[in-house]
Each structure stands twice: as structure tokens, then as C-alpha cells.
Amino acid sequence: MTDRLPLRAVLDTSALVSARLRIALQEAADSGQFIAIWSPWIIGELYRMLAWRWLERTRDFSAANQTACGRSAKAMMALLIATFEIVSPLPPYPPAWPTLTDIDDYPIWAAAKLGQAGFVVSENIRHFPPRAPDGRHVHEGIEYLTTRAFLERLAQGSA
């Protein structure tokens, strides 16, 4: 019997914005199917995006709504932080593939490298590495997948 290393995956902000997918990822990580990795960059961006969506949805800038938004964000963080591993890559970030032109994606790549991840889970497919001959988006052994594709791979046991 061979020992398998646990799967490690960086969860990009875009994979965590949908509550349904975020909960599915959190439950899979909590049950030990993989080790979820994020960074201060991802946490900050997630807070910003969810607060903005909350305000767009409610159009309510009252103190009571600000408090409700804060409570909701803190409740989500309490669930995620208990399960996720945090890495803190600092610039200068490791070089990525030549076609990565979005500077905001370098911290995600750096988190994957520092966290020794085998996967980056993201909905930001336009910034995935180019396809390898086998059709996968892989760079330096780290595969980029959408959230649904990653969850399907976990369910099949082939991640």
C-alpha cells in the first residue's frame, strides 16, 4: 500500500463568491478530501467582492445593514478559516507562464507555489495557463480547474 499525499488546492476568490460552490468546497475540505489553501490576498478580495454584492443587492447603506453585512462576512470567515490553510506569499512573486498578463493573478500563482498546491480552483478561465498537449491547463505541475470540474474530480476520486 502506498501513501498518497493529500491533495492541495488554492481556492481563488472567483471560486468562493458563489455561496453554493463555496459551501461545497468548504464541505469537501472539511471532510478531508483535499487541503484548501488561500492567502491574505484572496481573503481581502473575497471580503471586498461579497460586501460589494451585498450593497448592490440591498441598496441599503444604513448602519443596521452595515452591521448585518459584517456579521454575515464574519460568520462565513469563521467557517472557512477553521478548514482552510493560509499561506502568505510576498513579492517578488515567482515567474509564471509568459501569457499571464493580469498582475492580480500573480499572487494566486505565488500562493499555489508556496502552498505546494497541485491545483488552482478558479472561475477566471481566461487567465489559466495555456493548454498542455493532453488538454489540461497545467504549469509547472499545477493544474488550473473550474470549481465544478474540481468538485467532479474529487467525486470521481481522480483529482
Protein backbone atom coordinates (compact mmCIF):
# COMPACT_ATOMS: atom_id res chain seq x y z
CA MET A 1 0.00 0.00 0.00
CA THR A 2 1.44 3.39 -0.95
CA ASP A 3 1.00 6.58 0.99
CA ARG A 4 -0.66 9.30 -1.04
CA LEU A 5 -0.01 12.91 -0.26
CA PRO A 6 -3.14 14.88 0.49
CA LEU A 7 -4.46 16.93 -2.40
CA ARG A 8 -3.74 20.62 -2.02
CA ALA A 9 -5.64 23.29 -3.90
CA VAL A 10 -5.58 27.08 -3.87
CA LEU A 11 -9.11 28.43 -3.99
CA ASP A 12 -9.16 31.66 -5.95
CA THR A 13 -11.64 34.35 -4.97
CA SER A 14 -13.77 33.62 -8.04
CA ALA A 15 -14.31 30.05 -6.78
CA LEU A 16 -15.59 31.32 -3.44
CA VAL A 17 -18.06 34.03 -4.49
CA SER A 18 -20.99 31.68 -5.18
CA ALA A 19 -22.36 30.58 -1.79
CA ARG A 20 -23.39 27.17 -3.17
CA LEU A 21 -19.94 26.41 -4.61
CA ARG A 22 -18.15 27.91 -1.58
CA ILE A 23 -20.13 25.63 0.72
CA ALA A 24 -19.40 22.59 -1.47
CA LEU A 25 -15.67 23.37 -1.43
CA GLN A 26 -15.69 24.02 2.32
CA GLU A 27 -17.51 20.74 2.99
CA ALA A 28 -15.10 18.79 0.76
CA ALA A 29 -12.12 20.34 2.54
CA ASP A 30 -13.70 19.82 5.96
CA SER A 31 -14.27 16.13 5.18
CA GLY A 32 -10.59 15.71 4.28
CA GLN A 33 -10.99 15.27 0.51
CA PHE A 34 -8.36 17.98 -0.02
CA ILE A 35 -6.50 20.74 1.77
CA ALA A 36 -7.92 24.13 0.84
CA ILE A 37 -5.37 26.93 0.61
CA TRP A 38 -5.88 30.67 0.48
CA SER A 39 -3.91 33.78 1.20
CA PRO A 40 -4.43 37.26 2.64
CA TRP A 41 -4.78 38.46 -0.98
CA ILE A 42 -7.66 36.04 -1.61
CA ILE A 43 -9.32 36.79 1.74
CA GLY A 44 -9.19 40.55 1.14
CA GLU A 45 -10.56 40.24 -2.36
CA LEU A 46 -13.35 37.91 -1.20
CA TYR A 47 -14.39 40.35 1.53
CA ARG A 48 -14.43 43.20 -0.98
CA MET A 49 -16.46 41.29 -3.56
CA LEU A 50 -19.02 39.93 -1.12
CA ALA A 51 -19.50 43.30 0.62
CA TRP A 52 -19.98 44.99 -2.75
CA ARG A 53 -22.53 42.37 -3.83
CA TRP A 54 -24.34 42.75 -0.51
CA LEU A 55 -24.62 46.50 -1.02
CA GLU A 56 -25.69 46.13 -4.67
CA ARG A 57 -28.36 43.64 -3.65
CA THR A 58 -29.74 45.56 -0.69
CA ARG A 59 -29.09 49.18 -1.79
CA ASP A 60 -29.26 49.85 1.93
CA PHE A 61 -26.37 51.88 3.36
CA SER A 62 -27.85 52.14 6.84
CA ALA A 63 -25.81 51.37 9.94
CA ALA A 64 -28.04 48.35 10.61
CA ASN A 65 -27.31 46.91 7.16
CA GLN A 66 -23.59 47.55 7.55
CA THR A 67 -23.74 45.59 10.80
CA ALA A 68 -25.69 42.76 9.13
CA CYS A 69 -23.18 42.63 6.26
CA GLY A 70 -20.30 42.47 8.73
CA ARG A 71 -21.95 39.70 10.76
CA SER A 72 -22.58 37.67 7.62
CA ALA A 73 -18.98 38.05 6.47
CA LYS A 74 -17.61 37.12 9.88
CA ALA A 75 -19.84 34.03 10.06
CA MET A 76 -18.58 32.91 6.65
CA MET A 77 -14.97 33.53 7.67
CA ALA A 78 -15.41 31.55 10.90
CA LEU A 79 -16.48 28.52 8.86
CA LEU A 80 -13.75 28.85 6.25
CA ILE A 81 -10.82 29.74 8.49
CA ALA A 82 -11.38 26.60 10.57
CA THR A 83 -10.84 24.48 7.46
CA PHE A 84 -8.52 26.42 5.14
CA GLU A 85 -4.75 26.68 5.33
CA ILE A 86 -3.30 30.17 4.90
CA VAL A 87 -0.10 30.91 3.01
CA SER A 88 1.36 34.39 2.67
CA PRO A 89 3.45 34.81 -0.47
CA LEU A 90 5.28 38.11 -0.70
CA PRO A 91 6.63 39.88 -3.78
CA PRO A 92 8.62 39.36 -5.79
CA TYR A 93 6.38 36.53 -6.95
CA PRO A 94 7.76 33.51 -8.79
CA PRO A 95 7.70 33.78 -12.58
CA ALA A 96 4.56 32.40 -14.21
CA TRP A 97 3.75 31.43 -17.78
CA PRO A 98 4.50 34.08 -20.42
CA THR A 99 0.86 34.71 -21.36
CA LEU A 100 -0.23 35.60 -17.81
CA THR A 101 -0.81 39.31 -18.20
CA ASP A 102 -3.17 40.06 -15.29
CA ILE A 103 -0.93 41.23 -12.44
CA ASP A 104 -3.74 40.44 -9.98
CA ASP A 105 -3.31 36.73 -10.75
CA TYR A 106 0.36 36.58 -9.78
CA PRO A 107 -0.46 36.38 -6.04
CA ILE A 108 -2.70 33.37 -6.79
CA TRP A 109 0.13 31.65 -8.67
CA ALA A 110 2.53 32.53 -5.84
CA ALA A 111 0.11 31.06 -3.26
CA ALA A 112 -0.04 27.83 -5.27
CA LYS A 113 3.75 27.62 -5.41
CA LEU A 114 4.28 28.48 -1.74
CA GLY A 115 1.43 26.22 -0.64
CA GLN A 116 2.77 23.31 -2.70
CA ALA A 117 -0.64 23.01 -4.34
CA GLY A 118 -1.42 20.59 -7.13
CA PHE A 119 -4.41 22.67 -8.22
CA VAL A 120 -5.73 26.19 -8.52
CA VAL A 121 -9.52 26.30 -8.48
CA SER A 122 -10.82 29.39 -10.26
CA GLU A 123 -13.61 30.65 -12.46
CA ASN A 124 -11.17 33.09 -14.07
CA ILE A 125 -10.50 30.77 -17.02
CA ARG A 126 -9.19 33.48 -19.33
CA HIS A 127 -6.07 33.63 -17.14
CA PHE A 128 -5.42 29.89 -16.93
CA PRO A 129 -2.10 28.63 -18.29
CA PRO A 130 -2.16 27.52 -21.92
CA ARG A 131 -3.46 24.02 -22.55
CA ALA A 132 -0.93 21.21 -22.41
CA PRO A 133 -0.96 18.57 -25.17
CA ASP A 134 -3.34 16.48 -23.03
CA GLY A 135 -5.86 19.36 -22.92
CA ARG A 136 -5.32 20.30 -19.29
CA HIS A 137 -4.30 23.78 -18.13
CA VAL A 138 -1.08 22.96 -16.28
CA HIS A 139 2.03 24.97 -15.48
CA GLU A 140 4.95 23.55 -13.50
CA GLY A 141 2.79 20.66 -12.33
CA ILE A 142 -0.04 22.85 -11.01
CA GLU A 143 -3.37 22.29 -12.77
CA TYR A 144 -5.98 25.02 -13.10
CA LEU A 145 -9.61 23.87 -12.97
CA THR A 146 -13.03 25.47 -12.61
CA THR A 147 -14.85 24.81 -9.34
CA ARG A 148 -17.30 22.37 -10.90
CA ALA A 149 -14.52 20.46 -12.67
CA PHE A 150 -12.53 20.24 -9.43
CA LEU A 151 -15.56 19.02 -7.45
CA GLU A 152 -16.29 16.43 -10.16
CA ARG A 153 -12.70 15.20 -10.00
CA LEU A 154 -12.96 14.91 -6.20
CA ALA A 155 -16.22 12.95 -6.53
CA GLN A 156 -14.58 10.58 -9.02
CA GLY A 157 -11.53 10.20 -6.79
CA SER A 158 -9.27 11.15 -9.70
CA ALA A 159 -8.03 14.57 -8.59
